[in-house]
């Protein structure tokens, strides 16, 4: 059964990565999707492709760091579809760096705080009143295993993701019985493009510890076509790195529930990954 049929789903960071995949999968289940991203050109291409497949979807460009733009996004969703049932706060960047890298990282860190923390807060407050008026709603926030515990090289990024967990839990406490709240904590998802924001590639060692060299060698082997087939097969226990579509499937799973069932916290990882937290 698709509980998503006719639900209005708003997705930020929807132009690519698993944001675009969630839009596609939600639309295929009958949801009415409002896709938003700061990259208007790519967003329009994504929405056009889903619409041509028969999906009910509109594009509303918005910058999550702009509180007023997010309020306008929510208003556009209500104007078009009459409600906001689900809000997926997905937009984010990952500027991993050590404190010694501050000269190179400071601008990216400020942007990270604005997008990953303030952007989620703006998304929550943009839809809060509408969901309360409706008497029900669902907010899904993308955090990370980096938010579980401090790591070297992940101080700022991890702090923003820990903040997402705090925002989510406090919203859940304040709105039980009116707004469902889900926190998604993915491990590494290489193909999403998040890694392009990394300032110092060595900073990932904080999350891998003694596994760093062995795990990174698997990525090198995969690029060279030398990794054992079972490590690339999602049906095998040795599957080593999560595909964006697999993460999108789990977000959809949390979303595609009856109103009376709330999946509040979900960690999604490849069964053979080497992350410690």
C-alpha atoms as a PDB file:
ATOM      1  CA  UNK A   1       0.000   0.000   0.000  1.00  0.00           C
ATOM      2  CA  UNK A   2       1.179   3.540  -0.730  1.00  0.00           C
ATOM      3  CA  UNK A   3       0.349   5.793   2.187  1.00  0.00           C
ATOM      4  CA  UNK A   4       2.016   8.566   0.192  1.00  0.00           C
ATOM      5  CA  UNK A   5      -0.724   8.732  -2.413  1.00  0.00           C
ATOM      6  CA  UNK A   6      -1.918  12.352  -2.626  1.00  0.00           C
ATOM      7  CA  UNK A   7       0.269  13.474   0.280  1.00  0.00           C
ATOM      8  CA  UNK A   8       2.065  16.758  -0.343  1.00  0.00           C
ATOM      9  CA  UNK A   9       5.819  16.273   0.070  1.00  0.00           C
ATOM     10  CA  UNK A  10       8.264  19.201   0.132  1.00  0.00           C
ATOM     11  CA  UNK A  11      11.936  18.370  -0.464  1.00  0.00           C
ATOM     12  CA  UNK A  12      14.911  20.726  -0.159  1.00  0.00           C
ATOM     13  CA  UNK A  13      18.192  19.982  -1.895  1.00  0.00           C
ATOM     14  CA  UNK A  14      16.066  18.360  -4.579  1.00  0.00           C
ATOM     15  CA  UNK A  15      18.104  19.123  -7.692  1.00  0.00           C
ATOM     16  CA  UNK A  16      20.403  16.107  -7.353  1.00  0.00           C
ATOM     17  CA  UNK A  17      21.690  13.335  -5.096  1.00  0.00           C
ATOM     18  CA  UNK A  18      19.212  11.503  -2.944  1.00  0.00           C
ATOM     19  CA  UNK A  19      16.989  14.597  -2.812  1.00  0.00           C
ATOM     20  CA  UNK A  20      16.161  14.122  -6.478  1.00  0.00           C
ATOM     21  CA  UNK A  21      15.802  10.383  -5.965  1.00  0.00           C
ATOM     22  CA  UNK A  22      13.347  10.887  -3.097  1.00  0.00           C
ATOM     23  CA  UNK A  23      11.304  13.240  -5.279  1.00  0.00           C
ATOM     24  CA  UNK A  24      11.172  10.621  -8.032  1.00  0.00           C
ATOM     25  CA  UNK A  25      10.302   7.747  -5.701  1.00  0.00           C
ATOM     26  CA  UNK A  26       7.670   9.756  -3.798  1.00  0.00           C
ATOM     27  CA  UNK A  27       6.039  10.897  -7.033  1.00  0.00           C
ATOM     28  CA  UNK A  28       5.959   7.310  -8.312  1.00  0.00           C
ATOM     29  CA  UNK A  29       4.007   6.370  -5.168  1.00  0.00           C
ATOM     30  CA  UNK A  30       1.407   9.029  -5.885  1.00  0.00           C
ATOM     31  CA  UNK A  31       2.715  11.895  -3.764  1.00  0.00           C
ATOM     32  CA  UNK A  32       2.351  15.483  -4.906  1.00  0.00           C
ATOM     33  CA  UNK A  33       5.894  16.792  -4.715  1.00  0.00           C
ATOM     34  CA  UNK A  34       7.249  20.293  -4.239  1.00  0.00           C
ATOM     35  CA  UNK A  35      10.932  20.180  -5.165  1.00  0.00           C
ATOM     36  CA  UNK A  36      13.209  22.986  -4.037  1.00  0.00           C
ATOM     37  CA  UNK A  37      16.875  23.821  -4.499  1.00  0.00           C
ATOM     38  CA  UNK A  38      19.108  26.867  -4.831  1.00  0.00           C
ATOM     39  CA  UNK A  39      20.314  25.570  -8.212  1.00  0.00           C
ATOM     40  CA  UNK A  40      17.327  26.563 -10.304  1.00  0.00           C
ATOM     41  CA  UNK A  41      18.578  25.290 -13.668  1.00  0.00           C
ATOM     42  CA  UNK A  42      19.307  21.747 -12.492  1.00  0.00           C
ATOM     43  CA  UNK A  43      16.139  21.733 -10.377  1.00  0.00           C
ATOM     44  CA  UNK A  44      14.016  22.493 -13.428  1.00  0.00           C
ATOM     45  CA  UNK A  45      15.659  19.618 -15.337  1.00  0.00           C
ATOM     46  CA  UNK A  46      15.000  17.202 -12.461  1.00  0.00           C
ATOM     47  CA  UNK A  47      11.355  18.238 -12.146  1.00  0.00           C
ATOM     48  CA  UNK A  48      10.840  18.070 -15.907  1.00  0.00           C
ATOM     49  CA  UNK A  49      12.149  14.494 -16.019  1.00  0.00           C
ATOM     50  CA  UNK A  50       9.851  13.367 -13.180  1.00  0.00           C
ATOM     51  CA  UNK A  51       6.864  15.199 -14.662  1.00  0.00           C
ATOM     52  CA  UNK A  52       7.407  13.532 -18.035  1.00  0.00           C
ATOM     53  CA  UNK A  53       7.185  10.169 -16.279  1.00  0.00           C
ATOM     54  CA  UNK A  54       3.742  11.116 -14.987  1.00  0.00           C
ATOM     55  CA  UNK A  55       4.699  12.436 -11.566  1.00  0.00           C
ATOM     56  CA  UNK A  56       2.823  15.279  -9.888  1.00  0.00           C
ATOM     57  CA  UNK A  57       5.631  17.722  -9.109  1.00  0.00           C
ATOM     58  CA  UNK A  58       6.446  21.427  -9.192  1.00  0.00           C
ATOM     59  CA  UNK A  59       9.726  23.297  -8.824  1.00  0.00           C
ATOM     60  CA  UNK A  60      10.063  26.138  -6.314  1.00  0.00           C
ATOM     61  CA  UNK A  61      13.647  27.464  -6.192  1.00  0.00           C
ATOM     62  CA  UNK A  62      14.673  28.594  -2.712  1.00  0.00           C
ATOM     63  CA  UNK A  63      17.768  29.106  -0.581  1.00  0.00           C
ATOM     64  CA  UNK A  64      17.336  27.296   2.740  1.00  0.00           C
ATOM     65  CA  UNK A  65      19.492  29.913   4.478  1.00  0.00           C
ATOM     66  CA  UNK A  66      16.878  32.567   3.660  1.00  0.00           C
ATOM     67  CA  UNK A  67      14.049  32.352   6.197  1.00  0.00           C
ATOM     68  CA  UNK A  68      11.688  34.384   4.045  1.00  0.00           C
ATOM     69  CA  UNK A  69      12.409  32.260   0.969  1.00  0.00           C
ATOM     70  CA  UNK A  70      11.526  29.153   2.953  1.00  0.00           C
ATOM     71  CA  UNK A  71       8.277  30.740   4.085  1.00  0.00           C
ATOM     72  CA  UNK A  72       7.533  31.499   0.440  1.00  0.00           C
ATOM     73  CA  UNK A  73       8.300  27.852  -0.422  1.00  0.00           C
ATOM     74  CA  UNK A  74       5.754  26.652   2.124  1.00  0.00           C
ATOM     75  CA  UNK A  75       3.198  29.164   0.860  1.00  0.00           C
ATOM     76  CA  UNK A  76       3.734  27.973  -2.726  1.00  0.00           C
ATOM     77  CA  UNK A  77       3.130  24.363  -1.673  1.00  0.00           C
ATOM     78  CA  UNK A  78      -0.145  25.300   0.032  1.00  0.00           C
ATOM     79  CA  UNK A  79      -1.234  27.481  -2.886  1.00  0.00           C
ATOM     80  CA  UNK A  80      -0.601  24.664  -5.361  1.00  0.00           C
ATOM     81  CA  UNK A  81      -1.747  21.624  -3.399  1.00  0.00           C
ATOM     82  CA  UNK A  82      -3.657  22.930  -0.373  1.00  0.00           C
ATOM     83  CA  UNK A  83      -1.490  21.322   2.310  1.00  0.00           C
ATOM     84  CA  UNK A  84       1.988  20.287   3.443  1.00  0.00           C
ATOM     85  CA  UNK A  85       2.028  16.721   4.703  1.00  0.00           C
ATOM     86  CA  UNK A  86       5.767  15.986   4.671  1.00  0.00           C
ATOM     87  CA  UNK A  87       8.797  18.264   4.869  1.00  0.00           C
ATOM     88  CA  UNK A  88      12.173  16.701   4.046  1.00  0.00           C
ATOM     89  CA  UNK A  89      14.987  19.004   5.143  1.00  0.00           C
ATOM     90  CA  UNK A  90      17.680  17.467   2.980  1.00  0.00           C
ATOM     91  CA  UNK A  91      19.926  20.307   1.765  1.00  0.00           C
ATOM     92  CA  UNK A  92      23.427  20.124   3.224  1.00  0.00           C
ATOM     93  CA  UNK A  93      27.182  20.397   2.629  1.00  0.00           C
ATOM     94  CA  UNK A  94      30.156  18.586   4.209  1.00  0.00           C
ATOM     95  CA  UNK A  95      33.322  20.722   4.552  1.00  0.00           C
ATOM     96  CA  UNK A  96      35.419  18.303   6.592  1.00  0.00           C
ATOM     97  CA  UNK A  97      38.627  19.916   7.841  1.00  0.00           C
ATOM     98  CA  UNK A  98      40.872  20.070  10.876  1.00  0.00           C
ATOM     99  CA  UNK A  99      41.056  23.222  12.994  1.00  0.00           C
ATOM    100  CA  UNK A 100      44.566  23.728  11.615  1.00  0.00           C
ATOM    101  CA  UNK A 101      42.888  24.176   8.211  1.00  0.00           C
ATOM    102  CA  UNK A 102      40.858  27.156   9.402  1.00  0.00           C
ATOM    103  CA  UNK A 103      42.280  29.632   6.900  1.00  0.00           C
ATOM    104  CA  UNK A 104      41.119  27.452   4.023  1.00  0.00           C
ATOM    105  CA  UNK A 105      37.947  26.222   5.729  1.00  0.00           C
ATOM    106  CA  UNK A 106      36.428  29.227   7.517  1.00  0.00           C
ATOM    107  CA  UNK A 107      34.177  30.411   4.691  1.00  0.00           C
ATOM    108  CA  UNK A 108      32.939  26.866   4.027  1.00  0.00           C
ATOM    109  CA  UNK A 109      32.334  26.316   7.744  1.00  0.00           C
ATOM    110  CA  UNK A 110      30.164  29.441   7.941  1.00  0.00           C
ATOM    111  CA  UNK A 111      28.194  28.260   4.920  1.00  0.00           C
ATOM    112  CA  UNK A 112      27.877  24.813   6.523  1.00  0.00           C
ATOM    113  CA  UNK A 113      26.368  26.322   9.673  1.00  0.00           C
ATOM    114  CA  UNK A 114      23.967  28.406   7.596  1.00  0.00           C
ATOM    115  CA  UNK A 115      22.800  25.487   5.424  1.00  0.00           C
ATOM    116  CA  UNK A 116      23.001  22.463   7.727  1.00  0.00           C
ATOM    117  CA  UNK A 117      21.746  24.091  10.920  1.00  0.00           C
ATOM    118  CA  UNK A 118      19.905  27.305  10.087  1.00  0.00           C
ATOM    119  CA  UNK A 119      18.515  25.753   6.914  1.00  0.00           C
ATOM    120  CA  UNK A 120      16.881  22.926   8.855  1.00  0.00           C
ATOM    121  CA  UNK A 121      15.512  25.361  11.432  1.00  0.00           C
ATOM    122  CA  UNK A 122      14.120  27.522   8.630  1.00  0.00           C
ATOM    123  CA  UNK A 123      12.506  24.465   7.050  1.00  0.00           C
ATOM    124  CA  UNK A 124      10.882  23.440  10.320  1.00  0.00           C
ATOM    125  CA  UNK A 125       9.493  26.866  11.117  1.00  0.00           C
ATOM    126  CA  UNK A 126       8.285  27.394   7.541  1.00  0.00           C
ATOM    127  CA  UNK A 127       5.935  24.402   7.721  1.00  0.00           C
ATOM    128  CA  UNK A 128       5.195  24.250  11.451  1.00  0.00           C
ATOM    129  CA  UNK A 129       2.102  26.452  11.604  1.00  0.00           C
ATOM    130  CA  UNK A 130       0.547  24.905   8.500  1.00  0.00           C
ATOM    131  CA  UNK A 131       0.985  21.389   9.899  1.00  0.00           C
ATOM    132  CA  UNK A 132      -0.484  22.420  13.248  1.00  0.00           C
ATOM    133  CA  UNK A 133      -3.483  23.968  11.481  1.00  0.00           C
ATOM    134  CA  UNK A 134      -3.963  20.771   9.482  1.00  0.00           C
ATOM    135  CA  UNK A 135      -3.776  18.714  12.661  1.00  0.00           C
ATOM    136  CA  UNK A 136      -0.989  16.509  11.294  1.00  0.00           C
ATOM    137  CA  UNK A 137       2.299  16.554   9.450  1.00  0.00           C
ATOM    138  CA  UNK A 138       5.677  14.862   9.164  1.00  0.00           C
ATOM    139  CA  UNK A 139       9.108  16.507   9.323  1.00  0.00           C
ATOM    140  CA  UNK A 140      12.130  14.472   8.204  1.00  0.00           C
ATOM    141  CA  UNK A 141      15.585  15.883   8.910  1.00  0.00           C
ATOM    142  CA  UNK A 142      18.825  14.553   7.445  1.00  0.00           C
ATOM    143  CA  UNK A 143      21.533  14.338  10.087  1.00  0.00           C
ATOM    144  CA  UNK A 144      24.602  12.062   9.917  1.00  0.00           C
ATOM    145  CA  UNK A 145      26.586   9.589  11.974  1.00  0.00           C
ATOM    146  CA  UNK A 146      28.973  12.551  12.321  1.00  0.00           C
ATOM    147  CA  UNK A 147      26.386  13.972  14.707  1.00  0.00           C
ATOM    148  CA  UNK A 148      26.675  10.995  17.057  1.00  0.00           C
ATOM    149  CA  UNK A 149      30.005  11.842  18.656  1.00  0.00           C
ATOM    150  CA  UNK A 150      32.842  14.374  18.154  1.00  0.00           C
ATOM    151  CA  UNK A 151      35.595  13.375  15.742  1.00  0.00           C
ATOM    152  CA  UNK A 152      38.879  14.913  14.631  1.00  0.00           C
ATOM    153  CA  UNK A 153      38.312  16.603  11.303  1.00  0.00           C
ATOM    154  CA  UNK A 154      34.550  16.692  11.733  1.00  0.00           C
ATOM    155  CA  UNK A 155      34.179  19.388  14.385  1.00  0.00           C
ATOM    156  CA  UNK A 156      32.069  21.935  12.520  1.00  0.00           C
ATOM    157  CA  UNK A 157      30.226  19.547  10.204  1.00  0.00           C
ATOM    158  CA  UNK A 158      29.524  17.153  13.077  1.00  0.00           C
ATOM    159  CA  UNK A 159      28.309  20.009  15.272  1.00  0.00           C
ATOM    160  CA  UNK A 160      25.747  21.004  12.643  1.00  0.00           C
ATOM    161  CA  UNK A 161      24.529  17.428  12.381  1.00  0.00           C
ATOM    162  CA  UNK A 162      24.331  17.074  16.169  1.00  0.00           C
ATOM    163  CA  UNK A 163      22.288  20.275  16.130  1.00  0.00           C
ATOM    164  CA  UNK A 164      19.899  18.666  13.649  1.00  0.00           C
ATOM    165  CA  UNK A 165      19.361  15.819  16.134  1.00  0.00           C
ATOM    166  CA  UNK A 166      18.609  18.346  18.896  1.00  0.00           C
ATOM    167  CA  UNK A 167      16.219  20.294  16.670  1.00  0.00           C
ATOM    168  CA  UNK A 168      14.438  17.097  15.678  1.00  0.00           C
ATOM    169  CA  UNK A 169      14.026  15.732  19.186  1.00  0.00           C
ATOM    170  CA  UNK A 170      12.789  19.007  20.635  1.00  0.00           C
ATOM    171  CA  UNK A 171      10.259  19.323  17.801  1.00  0.00           C
ATOM    172  CA  UNK A 172       9.085  15.778  18.442  1.00  0.00           C
ATOM    173  CA  UNK A 173       8.588  16.538  22.139  1.00  0.00           C
ATOM    174  CA  UNK A 174       6.678  19.747  21.456  1.00  0.00           C
ATOM    175  CA  UNK A 175       4.408  18.341  18.753  1.00  0.00           C
ATOM    176  CA  UNK A 176       3.607  14.740  19.669  1.00  0.00           C
ATOM    177  CA  UNK A 177       0.256  13.742  18.296  1.00  0.00           C
ATOM    178  CA  UNK A 178       0.373  16.531  15.703  1.00  0.00           C
ATOM    179  CA  UNK A 179       3.710  16.361  13.854  1.00  0.00           C
ATOM    180  CA  UNK A 180       5.721  13.192  13.314  1.00  0.00           C
ATOM    181  CA  UNK A 181       9.484  13.754  13.338  1.00  0.00           C
ATOM    182  CA  UNK A 182      12.124  11.513  11.781  1.00  0.00           C
ATOM    183  CA  UNK A 183      15.896  11.902  11.984  1.00  0.00           C
ATOM    184  CA  UNK A 184      17.919  10.088   9.311  1.00  0.00           C
ATOM    185  CA  UNK A 185      21.606   9.419  10.063  1.00  0.00           C
ATOM    186  CA  UNK A 186      23.415   8.152   6.958  1.00  0.00           C
ATOM    187  CA  UNK A 187      26.997   6.957   6.858  1.00  0.00           C
ATOM    188  CA  UNK A 188      29.113   7.715   3.799  1.00  0.00           C
ATOM    189  CA  UNK A 189      27.205   7.906   0.512  1.00  0.00           C
ATOM    190  CA  UNK A 190      30.016   8.585  -1.988  1.00  0.00           C
ATOM    191  CA  UNK A 191      27.989   9.212  -5.134  1.00  0.00           C
ATOM    192  CA  UNK A 192      25.879  12.097  -3.775  1.00  0.00           C
ATOM    193  CA  UNK A 193      28.490  14.766  -4.441  1.00  0.00           C
ATOM    194  CA  UNK A 194      28.828  15.708  -0.758  1.00  0.00           C
ATOM    195  CA  UNK A 195      32.490  14.732  -0.841  1.00  0.00           C
ATOM    196  CA  UNK A 196      33.162  17.618  -3.241  1.00  0.00           C
ATOM    197  CA  UNK A 197      32.843  19.960  -0.266  1.00  0.00           C
ATOM    198  CA  UNK A 198      35.560  18.276   1.777  1.00  0.00           C
ATOM    199  CA  UNK A 199      38.380  20.745   2.506  1.00  0.00           C
ATOM    200  CA  UNK A 200      40.994  18.262   3.727  1.00  0.00           C
ATOM    201  CA  UNK A 201      40.536  14.643   2.539  1.00  0.00           C
ATOM    202  CA  UNK A 202      42.564  13.395   5.512  1.00  0.00           C
ATOM    203  CA  UNK A 203      39.817  14.655   7.835  1.00  0.00           C
ATOM    204  CA  UNK A 204      37.716  11.558   7.092  1.00  0.00           C
ATOM    205  CA  UNK A 205      40.182   9.600   9.226  1.00  0.00           C
ATOM    206  CA  UNK A 206      38.435  10.861  12.333  1.00  0.00           C
ATOM    207  CA  UNK A 207      35.420   8.715  11.485  1.00  0.00           C
ATOM    208  CA  UNK A 208      37.389   5.713  10.240  1.00  0.00           C
ATOM    209  CA  UNK A 209      40.243   5.546  12.748  1.00  0.00           C
ATOM    210  CA  UNK A 210      42.438   2.484  12.219  1.00  0.00           C
ATOM    211  CA  UNK A 211      40.182   1.453   9.326  1.00  0.00           C
ATOM    212  CA  UNK A 212      41.149   4.487   7.216  1.00  0.00           C
ATOM    213  CA  UNK A 213      43.862   3.002   4.996  1.00  0.00           C
ATOM    214  CA  UNK A 214      42.068  -0.300   4.386  1.00  0.00           C
ATOM    215  CA  UNK A 215      38.722   1.324   3.654  1.00  0.00           C
ATOM    216  CA  UNK A 216      40.065   4.030   1.375  1.00  0.00           C
ATOM    217  CA  UNK A 217      41.959   1.381  -0.572  1.00  0.00           C
ATOM    218  CA  UNK A 218      38.586  -0.177  -1.423  1.00  0.00           C
ATOM    219  CA  UNK A 219      37.488   3.034  -3.125  1.00  0.00           C
ATOM    220  CA  UNK A 220      40.715   3.045  -5.116  1.00  0.00           C
ATOM    221  CA  UNK A 221      40.176  -0.579  -6.074  1.00  0.00           C
ATOM    222  CA  UNK A 222      36.568   0.152  -7.060  1.00  0.00           C
ATOM    223  CA  UNK A 223      37.666   2.991  -9.341  1.00  0.00           C
ATOM    224  CA  UNK A 224      40.245   0.676 -10.946  1.00  0.00           C
ATOM    225  CA  UNK A 225      37.657  -2.089 -11.419  1.00  0.00           C
ATOM    226  CA  UNK A 226      39.564  -4.393  -9.075  1.00  0.00           C
ATOM    227  CA  UNK A 227      37.190  -4.653  -6.116  1.00  0.00           C
ATOM    228  CA  UNK A 228      35.617  -8.092  -5.548  1.00  0.00           C
ATOM    229  CA  UNK A 229      32.131  -8.194  -7.048  1.00  0.00           C
ATOM    230  CA  UNK A 230      30.407  -9.009  -3.758  1.00  0.00           C
ATOM    231  CA  UNK A 231      31.576  -5.719  -2.250  1.00  0.00           C
ATOM    232  CA  UNK A 232      29.680  -3.853  -4.975  1.00  0.00           C
ATOM    233  CA  UNK A 233      26.541  -5.992  -4.757  1.00  0.00           C
ATOM    234  CA  UNK A 234      23.818  -4.596  -2.530  1.00  0.00           C
ATOM    235  CA  UNK A 235      22.529  -8.132  -1.971  1.00  0.00           C
ATOM    236  CA  UNK A 236      25.822  -9.226  -0.396  1.00  0.00           C
ATOM    237  CA  UNK A 237      26.811  -8.725   3.249  1.00  0.00           C
ATOM    238  CA  UNK A 238      30.206  -7.324   2.192  1.00  0.00           C
ATOM    239  CA  UNK A 239      28.593  -4.402   0.306  1.00  0.00           C
ATOM    240  CA  UNK A 240      31.047  -1.621   1.175  1.00  0.00           C
ATOM    241  CA  UNK A 241      29.524   1.773   0.297  1.00  0.00           C
ATOM    242  CA  UNK A 242      25.932   2.939   0.280  1.00  0.00           C
ATOM    243  CA  UNK A 243      24.365   3.872  -3.046  1.00  0.00           C
ATOM    244  CA  UNK A 244      22.214   7.055  -3.007  1.00  0.00           C
ATOM    245  CA  UNK A 245      19.187   5.108  -4.242  1.00  0.00           C
ATOM    246  CA  UNK A 246      19.430   2.753  -1.262  1.00  0.00           C
ATOM    247  CA  UNK A 247      19.394   5.691   1.139  1.00  0.00           C
ATOM    248  CA  UNK A 248      16.476   7.257  -0.739  1.00  0.00           C
ATOM    249  CA  UNK A 249      14.562   3.989  -0.362  1.00  0.00           C
ATOM    250  CA  UNK A 250      14.907   4.146   3.420  1.00  0.00           C
ATOM    251  CA  UNK A 251      13.817   7.788   3.533  1.00  0.00           C
ATOM    252  CA  UNK A 252      10.764   6.780   1.507  1.00  0.00           C
ATOM    253  CA  UNK A 253      10.164   3.883   3.913  1.00  0.00           C
ATOM    254  CA  UNK A 254      10.061   6.289   6.862  1.00  0.00           C
ATOM    255  CA  UNK A 255       7.810   8.608   4.874  1.00  0.00           C
ATOM    256  CA  UNK A 256       5.463   5.917   3.556  1.00  0.00           C
ATOM    257  CA  UNK A 257       3.815   5.012   6.857  1.00  0.00           C
ATOM    258  CA  UNK A 258       0.254   5.401   8.151  1.00  0.00           C
ATOM    259  CA  UNK A 259      -0.283   8.589  10.095  1.00  0.00           C
ATOM    260  CA  UNK A 260      -0.338   6.646  13.348  1.00  0.00           C
ATOM    261  CA  UNK A 261       3.165   5.208  12.900  1.00  0.00           C
ATOM    262  CA  UNK A 262       6.283   7.338  13.372  1.00  0.00           C
ATOM    263  CA  UNK A 263       9.800   6.128  12.648  1.00  0.00           C
ATOM    264  CA  UNK A 264      11.704   8.621  14.750  1.00  0.00           C
ATOM    265  CA  UNK A 265      15.371   7.733  14.270  1.00  0.00           C
ATOM    266  CA  UNK A 266      17.100   5.727  11.542  1.00  0.00           C
ATOM    267  CA  UNK A 267      20.772   5.043  10.827  1.00  0.00           C
ATOM    268  CA  UNK A 268      21.381   3.838   7.283  1.00  0.00           C
ATOM    269  CA  UNK A 269      24.692   2.236   6.364  1.00  0.00           C
ATOM    270  CA  UNK A 270      26.240  -0.278   4.010  1.00  0.00           C
ATOM    271  CA  UNK A 271      26.612  -3.532   5.917  1.00  0.00           C
ATOM    272  CA  UNK A 272      30.303  -3.733   4.968  1.00  0.00           C
ATOM    273  CA  UNK A 273      31.339  -0.143   5.593  1.00  0.00           C
ATOM    274  CA  UNK A 274      34.120   0.728   8.018  1.00  0.00           C
ATOM    275  CA  UNK A 275      32.802   3.794   9.830  1.00  0.00           C
ATOM    276  CA  UNK A 276      33.238   3.571  13.590  1.00  0.00           C
ATOM    277  CA  UNK A 277      30.263   5.573  14.926  1.00  0.00           C
END
